[in-house]
Amino acid sequence: MKSNLLEIDNLTLKMDDKTILDRLTLNIWQGHIHAIMGINGAGKSTLANTIMGLNGYRDFAGDIRFQGKSLKELGVDERARLGITLSWQEPARFEGLKVRDFIRASAREKSNDAVNSALKTVGLKPDRYLDRAVDRTLSGGERKKVELASILAMKPRLALLDEPDSGIDIESIQRIFDVVRILRDAGTTVVFITHSMAVLQQAEHGFLLCHGRLVDQGDIKKISRYFEGECMPCDVRDPEMKEKSI
């Protein structure tokens, strides 16, 4: 029996009088790898930012529940303490902060061994990276791996990964997929935010968003039809259906 870790209930979010998320309802099962799909502008990253509770994404209608508890009044730090984390499409830079300190800050175990192990798992040699700064001297791909190492060390309950293949070479993205399975096997529920077929194929269950609405959901074979030009008909994308609905 599948158990819901995260419940999105009739979520509506407007920004500058524009509806970005529109009465969105979906459930994230515990212990699975999910993918939230859709074209640019579908509301995928907005949904991730809203789940995380970032500034500008707190004023919404509906509810978000984590393990049955509403997140609506909780800030980012409080959500992080519950075990929710988000990696951005473009990883942040931290001038002067060393890689070892960045990983240790979020790690459940603060030992050097834990930090070294996380770096090795994502394919970075500790002796080359521990004393590097998390800044522009690291490539986007390197910062993405460092960020993933911090998530490994954190051992969160829920990891939201926004466009994990962005700016990553083929060899590195396969390493990231391997790490995601390690996270899942260790008890972390993973949600990909993506429009990539390669990323979708790593998931077990998918959601298809269009203009902030949930258009379809199901197994990956079903959702992958989106890439074959069979985007599910809806009153947002299909002019004929829109006319019939008026």
C-alpha atoms as a PDB file:
ATOM      1  CA  MET A   1       0.000   0.000   0.000  1.00  0.00           C
ATOM      2  CA  LYS A   2       1.376   3.408  -1.017  1.00  0.00           C
ATOM      3  CA  SER A   3       1.736   6.028   1.707  1.00  0.00           C
ATOM      4  CA  ASN A   4       1.512   9.752   0.969  1.00  0.00           C
ATOM      5  CA  LEU A   5       4.487  11.774   2.189  1.00  0.00           C
ATOM      6  CA  LEU A   6       3.369  15.058   0.623  1.00  0.00           C
ATOM      7  CA  GLU A   7      -0.166  16.121  -0.260  1.00  0.00           C
ATOM      8  CA  ILE A   8      -0.887  19.097  -2.514  1.00  0.00           C
ATOM      9  CA  ASP A   9      -4.532  20.057  -2.019  1.00  0.00           C
ATOM     10  CA  ASN A  10      -6.294  22.475  -4.383  1.00  0.00           C
ATOM     11  CA  LEU A  11      -3.190  24.678  -4.545  1.00  0.00           C
ATOM     12  CA  THR A  12      -3.607  28.030  -6.284  1.00  0.00           C
ATOM     13  CA  LEU A  13      -0.867  30.650  -6.463  1.00  0.00           C
ATOM     14  CA  LYS A  14      -1.025  34.001  -8.228  1.00  0.00           C
ATOM     15  CA  MET A  15       1.862  36.336  -8.998  1.00  0.00           C
ATOM     16  CA  ASP A  16       1.283  39.837 -10.410  1.00  0.00           C
ATOM     17  CA  ASP A  17      -2.402  38.946 -10.854  1.00  0.00           C
ATOM     18  CA  LYS A  18      -1.454  35.957 -13.039  1.00  0.00           C
ATOM     19  CA  THR A  19      -2.446  32.444 -11.975  1.00  0.00           C
ATOM     20  CA  ILE A  20       0.707  30.301 -11.961  1.00  0.00           C
ATOM     21  CA  LEU A  21      -0.645  27.252 -10.105  1.00  0.00           C
ATOM     22  CA  ASP A  22      -4.319  26.561 -10.693  1.00  0.00           C
ATOM     23  CA  ARG A  23      -6.266  24.350  -8.237  1.00  0.00           C
ATOM     24  CA  LEU A  24      -3.458  21.807  -8.270  1.00  0.00           C
ATOM     25  CA  THR A  25      -4.002  18.555  -6.386  1.00  0.00           C
ATOM     26  CA  LEU A  26      -1.511  15.665  -6.278  1.00  0.00           C
ATOM     27  CA  ASN A  27       0.090  13.229  -3.848  1.00  0.00           C
ATOM     28  CA  ILE A  28       3.779  12.309  -3.555  1.00  0.00           C
ATOM     29  CA  TRP A  29       4.255   8.730  -2.343  1.00  0.00           C
ATOM     30  CA  GLN A  30       6.843   7.996   0.286  1.00  0.00           C
ATOM     31  CA  GLY A  31       9.967   6.138  -0.864  1.00  0.00           C
ATOM     32  CA  HIS A  32       9.445   6.650  -4.599  1.00  0.00           C
ATOM     33  CA  ILE A  33      11.101   8.664  -7.381  1.00  0.00           C
ATOM     34  CA  HIS A  34       8.568  11.002  -8.974  1.00  0.00           C
ATOM     35  CA  ALA A  35       8.844  13.367 -11.947  1.00  0.00           C
ATOM     36  CA  ILE A  36       6.883  16.585 -12.370  1.00  0.00           C
ATOM     37  CA  MET A  37       6.834  17.244 -16.101  1.00  0.00           C
ATOM     38  CA  GLY A  38       5.783  20.036 -18.405  1.00  0.00           C
ATOM     39  CA  ILE A  39       7.032  22.608 -20.876  1.00  0.00           C
ATOM     40  CA  ASN A  40       8.720  25.835 -19.748  1.00  0.00           C
ATOM     41  CA  GLY A  41       6.122  27.950 -17.996  1.00  0.00           C
ATOM     42  CA  ALA A  42       4.000  24.995 -16.888  1.00  0.00           C
ATOM     43  CA  GLY A  43       4.528  25.876 -13.218  1.00  0.00           C
ATOM     44  CA  LYS A  44       7.007  23.126 -12.287  1.00  0.00           C
ATOM     45  CA  SER A  45       9.668  25.241 -10.583  1.00  0.00           C
ATOM     46  CA  THR A  46       6.981  27.439  -9.013  1.00  0.00           C
ATOM     47  CA  LEU A  47       5.497  24.328  -7.421  1.00  0.00           C
ATOM     48  CA  ALA A  48       8.909  23.286  -6.033  1.00  0.00           C
ATOM     49  CA  ASN A  49       9.540  26.798  -4.664  1.00  0.00           C
ATOM     50  CA  THR A  50       6.089  26.822  -3.059  1.00  0.00           C
ATOM     51  CA  ILE A  51       6.640  23.446  -1.404  1.00  0.00           C
ATOM     52  CA  MET A  52       9.957  24.745  -0.039  1.00  0.00           C
ATOM     53  CA  GLY A  53       8.320  27.981   1.151  1.00  0.00           C
ATOM     54  CA  LEU A  54      10.660  30.444  -0.554  1.00  0.00           C
ATOM     55  CA  ASN A  55      10.018  34.184  -0.342  1.00  0.00           C
ATOM     56  CA  GLY A  56       7.371  35.228  -2.840  1.00  0.00           C
ATOM     57  CA  TYR A  57       5.795  31.775  -2.879  1.00  0.00           C
ATOM     58  CA  ARG A  58       4.064  31.771   0.508  1.00  0.00           C
ATOM     59  CA  ASP A  59       0.788  33.511  -0.317  1.00  0.00           C
ATOM     60  CA  PHE A  60      -1.293  30.700  -1.802  1.00  0.00           C
ATOM     61  CA  ALA A  61      -4.776  29.232  -1.503  1.00  0.00           C
ATOM     62  CA  GLY A  62      -5.271  25.571  -0.717  1.00  0.00           C
ATOM     63  CA  ASP A  63      -2.843  23.565   1.374  1.00  0.00           C
ATOM     64  CA  ILE A  64       0.417  21.611   1.343  1.00  0.00           C
ATOM     65  CA  ARG A  65       0.699  18.833   3.915  1.00  0.00           C
ATOM     66  CA  PHE A  66       3.875  16.941   4.803  1.00  0.00           C
ATOM     67  CA  GLN A  67       3.278  13.732   6.735  1.00  0.00           C
ATOM     68  CA  GLY A  68      -0.220  15.032   7.399  1.00  0.00           C
ATOM     69  CA  LYS A  69       0.966  18.387   8.800  1.00  0.00           C
ATOM     70  CA  SER A  70       0.183  21.647   7.010  1.00  0.00           C
ATOM     71  CA  LEU A  71       3.236  23.585   5.839  1.00  0.00           C
ATOM     72  CA  LYS A  72       1.295  26.766   5.167  1.00  0.00           C
ATOM     73  CA  GLU A  73       2.512  28.710   8.204  1.00  0.00           C
ATOM     74  CA  LEU A  74       6.051  27.268   8.223  1.00  0.00           C
ATOM     75  CA  GLY A  75       9.132  29.089   6.908  1.00  0.00           C
ATOM     76  CA  VAL A  76      11.970  27.622   4.861  1.00  0.00           C
ATOM     77  CA  ASP A  77      14.078  26.744   7.913  1.00  0.00           C
ATOM     78  CA  GLU A  78      11.173  24.972   9.595  1.00  0.00           C
ATOM     79  CA  ARG A  79      10.439  22.962   6.450  1.00  0.00           C
ATOM     80  CA  ALA A  80      14.116  22.065   6.159  1.00  0.00           C
ATOM     81  CA  ARG A  81      14.084  20.787   9.737  1.00  0.00           C
ATOM     82  CA  LEU A  82      11.180  18.518   8.796  1.00  0.00           C
ATOM     83  CA  GLY A  83      13.437  16.992   6.144  1.00  0.00           C
ATOM     84  CA  ILE A  84      12.532  18.894   2.942  1.00  0.00           C
ATOM     85  CA  THR A  85      15.258  20.190   0.650  1.00  0.00           C
ATOM     86  CA  LEU A  86      15.428  21.774  -2.802  1.00  0.00           C
ATOM     87  CA  SER A  87      18.270  21.870  -5.312  1.00  0.00           C
ATOM     88  CA  TRP A  88      18.054  24.656  -7.879  1.00  0.00           C
ATOM     89  CA  GLN A  89      18.467  24.406 -11.650  1.00  0.00           C
ATOM     90  CA  GLU A  90      21.361  26.865 -11.272  1.00  0.00           C
ATOM     91  CA  PRO A  91      23.188  26.016  -8.025  1.00  0.00           C
ATOM     92  CA  ALA A  92      23.921  28.915  -5.704  1.00  0.00           C
ATOM     93  CA  ARG A  93      27.399  30.377  -5.213  1.00  0.00           C
ATOM     94  CA  PHE A  94      28.794  31.149  -1.787  1.00  0.00           C
ATOM     95  CA  GLU A  95      31.836  33.389  -1.920  1.00  0.00           C
ATOM     96  CA  GLY A  96      34.452  32.327   0.634  1.00  0.00           C
ATOM     97  CA  LEU A  97      32.549  29.240   1.855  1.00  0.00           C
ATOM     98  CA  LYS A  98      34.595  26.065   1.481  1.00  0.00           C
ATOM     99  CA  VAL A  99      33.073  22.905   0.061  1.00  0.00           C
ATOM    100  CA  ARG A 100      33.769  20.998   3.302  1.00  0.00           C
ATOM    101  CA  ASP A 101      31.879  23.601   5.351  1.00  0.00           C
ATOM    102  CA  PHE A 102      29.010  23.791   2.865  1.00  0.00           C
ATOM    103  CA  ILE A 103      28.411  20.030   3.067  1.00  0.00           C
ATOM    104  CA  ARG A 104      28.988  19.835   6.824  1.00  0.00           C
ATOM    105  CA  ALA A 105      26.458  22.625   7.468  1.00  0.00           C
ATOM    106  CA  SER A 106      23.546  20.458   6.343  1.00  0.00           C
ATOM    107  CA  ALA A 107      24.984  17.007   7.107  1.00  0.00           C
ATOM    108  CA  ARG A 108      23.238  14.810   9.629  1.00  0.00           C
ATOM    109  CA  GLU A 109      26.645  13.476  10.663  1.00  0.00           C
ATOM    110  CA  LYS A 110      29.302  16.216  10.893  1.00  0.00           C
ATOM    111  CA  SER A 111      32.389  13.994  10.630  1.00  0.00           C
ATOM    112  CA  ASN A 112      35.104  14.363   7.996  1.00  0.00           C
ATOM    113  CA  ASP A 113      34.402  10.780   6.908  1.00  0.00           C
ATOM    114  CA  ALA A 114      30.769  11.625   6.154  1.00  0.00           C
ATOM    115  CA  VAL A 115      31.768  14.685   4.099  1.00  0.00           C
ATOM    116  CA  ASN A 116      34.441  12.747   2.209  1.00  0.00           C
ATOM    117  CA  SER A 117      32.067   9.862   1.515  1.00  0.00           C
ATOM    118  CA  ALA A 118      29.405  12.199   0.086  1.00  0.00           C
ATOM    119  CA  LEU A 119      31.934  13.822  -2.260  1.00  0.00           C
ATOM    120  CA  LYS A 120      33.258  10.456  -3.449  1.00  0.00           C
ATOM    121  CA  THR A 121      29.740   9.207  -4.117  1.00  0.00           C
ATOM    122  CA  VAL A 122      28.998  12.115  -6.471  1.00  0.00           C
ATOM    123  CA  GLY A 123      32.344  11.615  -8.239  1.00  0.00           C
ATOM    124  CA  LEU A 124      34.449  14.404  -6.705  1.00  0.00           C
ATOM    125  CA  LYS A 125      37.828  13.672  -5.117  1.00  0.00           C
ATOM    126  CA  PRO A 126      37.910  15.091  -1.577  1.00  0.00           C
ATOM    127  CA  ASP A 127      41.571  16.105  -1.737  1.00  0.00           C
ATOM    128  CA  ARG A 128      40.811  18.262  -4.781  1.00  0.00           C
ATOM    129  CA  TYR A 129      37.537  19.831  -3.594  1.00  0.00           C
ATOM    130  CA  LEU A 130      37.339  20.059   0.202  1.00  0.00           C
ATOM    131  CA  ASP A 131      39.186  23.376   0.361  1.00  0.00           C
ATOM    132  CA  ARG A 132      37.710  24.859  -2.814  1.00  0.00           C
ATOM    133  CA  ALA A 133      35.199  27.671  -2.425  1.00  0.00           C
ATOM    134  CA  VAL A 134      31.606  27.180  -3.579  1.00  0.00           C
ATOM    135  CA  ASP A 135      31.909  30.092  -5.986  1.00  0.00           C
ATOM    136  CA  ARG A 136      32.531  30.937  -9.636  1.00  0.00           C
ATOM    137  CA  THR A 137      35.804  28.975  -9.614  1.00  0.00           C
ATOM    138  CA  LEU A 138      33.648  25.840  -9.723  1.00  0.00           C
ATOM    139  CA  SER A 139      31.787  25.053 -12.929  1.00  0.00           C
ATOM    140  CA  GLY A 140      28.009  24.752 -12.877  1.00  0.00           C
ATOM    141  CA  GLY A 141      28.360  20.978 -13.092  1.00  0.00           C
ATOM    142  CA  GLU A 142      30.800  20.887 -10.175  1.00  0.00           C
ATOM    143  CA  ARG A 143      28.509  23.064  -8.034  1.00  0.00           C
ATOM    144  CA  LYS A 144      25.622  20.754  -8.894  1.00  0.00           C
ATOM    145  CA  LYS A 145      27.617  17.760  -7.674  1.00  0.00           C
ATOM    146  CA  VAL A 146      28.632  19.582  -4.491  1.00  0.00           C
ATOM    147  CA  GLU A 147      24.980  20.454  -3.876  1.00  0.00           C
ATOM    148  CA  LEU A 148      24.005  16.817  -4.420  1.00  0.00           C
ATOM    149  CA  ALA A 149      26.750  15.728  -2.014  1.00  0.00           C
ATOM    150  CA  SER A 150      25.238  18.023   0.617  1.00  0.00           C
ATOM    151  CA  ILE A 151      21.830  16.401   0.047  1.00  0.00           C
ATOM    152  CA  LEU A 152      23.387  12.947   0.436  1.00  0.00           C
ATOM    153  CA  ALA A 153      24.982  13.990   3.718  1.00  0.00           C
ATOM    154  CA  MET A 154      21.729  15.616   4.854  1.00  0.00           C
ATOM    155  CA  LYS A 155      19.655  12.424   4.328  1.00  0.00           C
ATOM    156  CA  PRO A 156      16.386  14.351   3.858  1.00  0.00           C
ATOM    157  CA  ARG A 157      12.886  12.884   3.843  1.00  0.00           C
ATOM    158  CA  LEU A 158      12.013  14.721   0.594  1.00  0.00           C
ATOM    159  CA  ALA A 159      14.448  15.986  -2.074  1.00  0.00           C
ATOM    160  CA  LEU A 160      13.169  18.260  -4.834  1.00  0.00           C
ATOM    161  CA  LEU A 161      15.653  18.307  -7.733  1.00  0.00           C
ATOM    162  CA  ASP A 162      15.006  21.094 -10.249  1.00  0.00           C
ATOM    163  CA  GLU A 163      16.350  20.221 -13.742  1.00  0.00           C
ATOM    164  CA  PRO A 164      19.118  17.925 -12.408  1.00  0.00           C
ATOM    165  CA  ASP A 165      20.618  17.433 -15.885  1.00  0.00           C
ATOM    166  CA  SER A 166      20.978  21.160 -16.657  1.00  0.00           C
ATOM    167  CA  GLY A 167      24.591  22.028 -17.538  1.00  0.00           C
ATOM    168  CA  ILE A 168      25.762  18.460 -16.887  1.00  0.00           C
ATOM    169  CA  ASP A 169      27.686  16.201 -19.283  1.00  0.00           C
ATOM    170  CA  ILE A 170      26.412  12.693 -20.100  1.00  0.00           C
ATOM    171  CA  GLU A 171      28.847  10.915 -17.782  1.00  0.00           C
ATOM    172  CA  SER A 172      27.983  13.208 -14.872  1.00  0.00           C
ATOM    173  CA  ILE A 173      24.230  12.919 -15.325  1.00  0.00           C
ATOM    174  CA  GLN A 174      24.500   9.136 -15.114  1.00  0.00           C
ATOM    175  CA  ARG A 175      26.395   9.586 -11.845  1.00  0.00           C
ATOM    176  CA  ILE A 176      23.588  11.827 -10.588  1.00  0.00           C
ATOM    177  CA  PHE A 177      21.007   9.180 -11.502  1.00  0.00           C
ATOM    178  CA  ASP A 178      23.019   6.613  -9.535  1.00  0.00           C
ATOM    179  CA  VAL A 179      23.098   8.940  -6.523  1.00  0.00           C
ATOM    180  CA  VAL A 180      19.334   9.484  -6.750  1.00  0.00           C
ATOM    181  CA  ARG A 181      18.785   5.727  -6.499  1.00  0.00           C
ATOM    182  CA  ILE A 182      21.114   5.642  -3.475  1.00  0.00           C
ATOM    183  CA  LEU A 183      18.982   8.365  -1.891  1.00  0.00           C
ATOM    184  CA  ARG A 184      15.776   6.460  -2.653  1.00  0.00           C
ATOM    185  CA  ASP A 185      17.172   3.212  -1.254  1.00  0.00           C
ATOM    186  CA  ALA A 186      18.206   5.064   1.919  1.00  0.00           C
ATOM    187  CA  GLY A 187      14.626   6.279   2.439  1.00  0.00           C
ATOM    188  CA  THR A 188      14.563   9.663   0.679  1.00  0.00           C
ATOM    189  CA  THR A 189      11.589  10.424  -1.553  1.00  0.00           C
ATOM    190  CA  VAL A 190      12.847  12.177  -4.711  1.00  0.00           C
ATOM    191  CA  VAL A 191      10.916  14.519  -6.993  1.00  0.00           C
ATOM    192  CA  PHE A 192      12.461  15.543 -10.319  1.00  0.00           C
ATOM    193  CA  ILE A 193      11.340  18.881 -11.771  1.00  0.00           C
ATOM    194  CA  THR A 194      12.058  18.374 -15.458  1.00  0.00           C
ATOM    195  CA  HIS A 195      11.134  18.476 -19.122  1.00  0.00           C
ATOM    196  CA  SER A 196      13.824  15.937 -20.036  1.00  0.00           C
ATOM    197  CA  MET A 197      12.964  12.478 -21.334  1.00  0.00           C
ATOM    198  CA  ALA A 198      16.247  11.115 -19.933  1.00  0.00           C
ATOM    199  CA  VAL A 199      15.346  12.341 -16.448  1.00  0.00           C
ATOM    200  CA  LEU A 200      11.734  11.149 -16.725  1.00  0.00           C
ATOM    201  CA  GLN A 201      12.923   7.618 -17.468  1.00  0.00           C
ATOM    202  CA  GLN A 202      14.659   7.482 -14.081  1.00  0.00           C
ATOM    203  CA  ALA A 203      11.374   8.048 -12.245  1.00  0.00           C
ATOM    204  CA  GLU A 204       8.730   5.566 -11.175  1.00  0.00           C
ATOM    205  CA  HIS A 205       5.728   7.847 -11.419  1.00  0.00           C
ATOM    206  CA  GLY A 206       5.052  11.090 -13.248  1.00  0.00           C
ATOM    207  CA  PHE A 207       2.797  14.138 -13.190  1.00  0.00           C
ATOM    208  CA  LEU A 208       2.156  16.244 -16.303  1.00  0.00           C
ATOM    209  CA  LEU A 209       1.531  19.953 -15.701  1.00  0.00           C
ATOM    210  CA  CYS A 210       0.221  22.505 -18.164  1.00  0.00           C
ATOM    211  CA  HIS A 211      -0.282  26.160 -17.262  1.00  0.00           C
ATOM    212  CA  GLY A 212      -0.281  25.310 -13.569  1.00  0.00           C
ATOM    213  CA  ARG A 213      -2.819  22.519 -13.837  1.00  0.00           C
ATOM    214  CA  LEU A 214      -2.412  18.779 -13.438  1.00  0.00           C
ATOM    215  CA  VAL A 215      -3.270  17.350 -16.858  1.00  0.00           C
ATOM    216  CA  ASP A 216      -2.364  13.718 -16.292  1.00  0.00           C
ATOM    217  CA  GLN A 217      -0.439  11.388 -14.009  1.00  0.00           C
ATOM    218  CA  GLY A 218       0.625   7.773 -13.987  1.00  0.00           C
ATOM    219  CA  ASP A 219       3.474   5.447 -14.827  1.00  0.00           C
ATOM    220  CA  ILE A 220       6.375   6.713 -16.889  1.00  0.00           C
ATOM    221  CA  LYS A 221       5.324   4.938 -20.086  1.00  0.00           C
ATOM    222  CA  LYS A 222       2.015   6.774 -19.962  1.00  0.00           C
ATOM    223  CA  ILE A 223       3.504  10.193 -19.214  1.00  0.00           C
ATOM    224  CA  SER A 224       6.286   9.780 -21.800  1.00  0.00           C
ATOM    225  CA  ARG A 225       3.684  10.078 -24.576  1.00  0.00           C
ATOM    226  CA  TYR A 226       4.035  13.813 -24.017  1.00  0.00           C
ATOM    227  CA  PHE A 227       7.368  13.617 -25.838  1.00  0.00           C
ATOM    228  CA  GLU A 228       5.755  11.891 -28.793  1.00  0.00           C
ATOM    229  CA  GLY A 229       3.462  14.804 -29.596  1.00  0.00           C
ATOM    230  CA  GLU A 230       0.509  13.435 -27.674  1.00  0.00           C
ATOM    231  CA  CYS A 231       0.252  16.122 -25.009  1.00  0.00           C
ATOM    232  CA  MET A 232      -2.969  15.393 -23.164  1.00  0.00           C
ATOM    233  CA  PRO A 233      -5.958  17.465 -24.398  1.00  0.00           C
ATOM    234  CA  CYS A 234      -7.177  20.112 -21.985  1.00  0.00           C
ATOM    235  CA  ASP A 235      -9.097  23.368 -22.079  1.00  0.00           C
ATOM    236  CA  VAL A 236      -5.821  25.304 -21.750  1.00  0.00           C
ATOM    237  CA  ARG A 237      -3.892  23.878 -24.679  1.00  0.00           C
ATOM    238  CA  ASP A 238      -6.686  22.616 -26.974  1.00  0.00           C
ATOM    239  CA  PRO A 239      -8.634  25.508 -28.625  1.00  0.00           C
ATOM    240  CA  GLU A 240     -11.574  23.257 -29.564  1.00  0.00           C
ATOM    241  CA  MET A 241     -11.972  21.998 -26.013  1.00  0.00           C
ATOM    242  CA  LYS A 242     -11.605  25.548 -24.688  1.00  0.00           C
ATOM    243  CA  GLU A 243     -14.468  26.729 -26.929  1.00  0.00           C
ATOM    244  CA  LYS A 244     -16.648  23.823 -25.777  1.00  0.00           C
ATOM    245  CA  SER A 245     -15.956  24.654 -22.134  1.00  0.00           C
ATOM    246  CA  ILE A 246     -17.058  28.296 -22.428  1.00  0.00           C
END
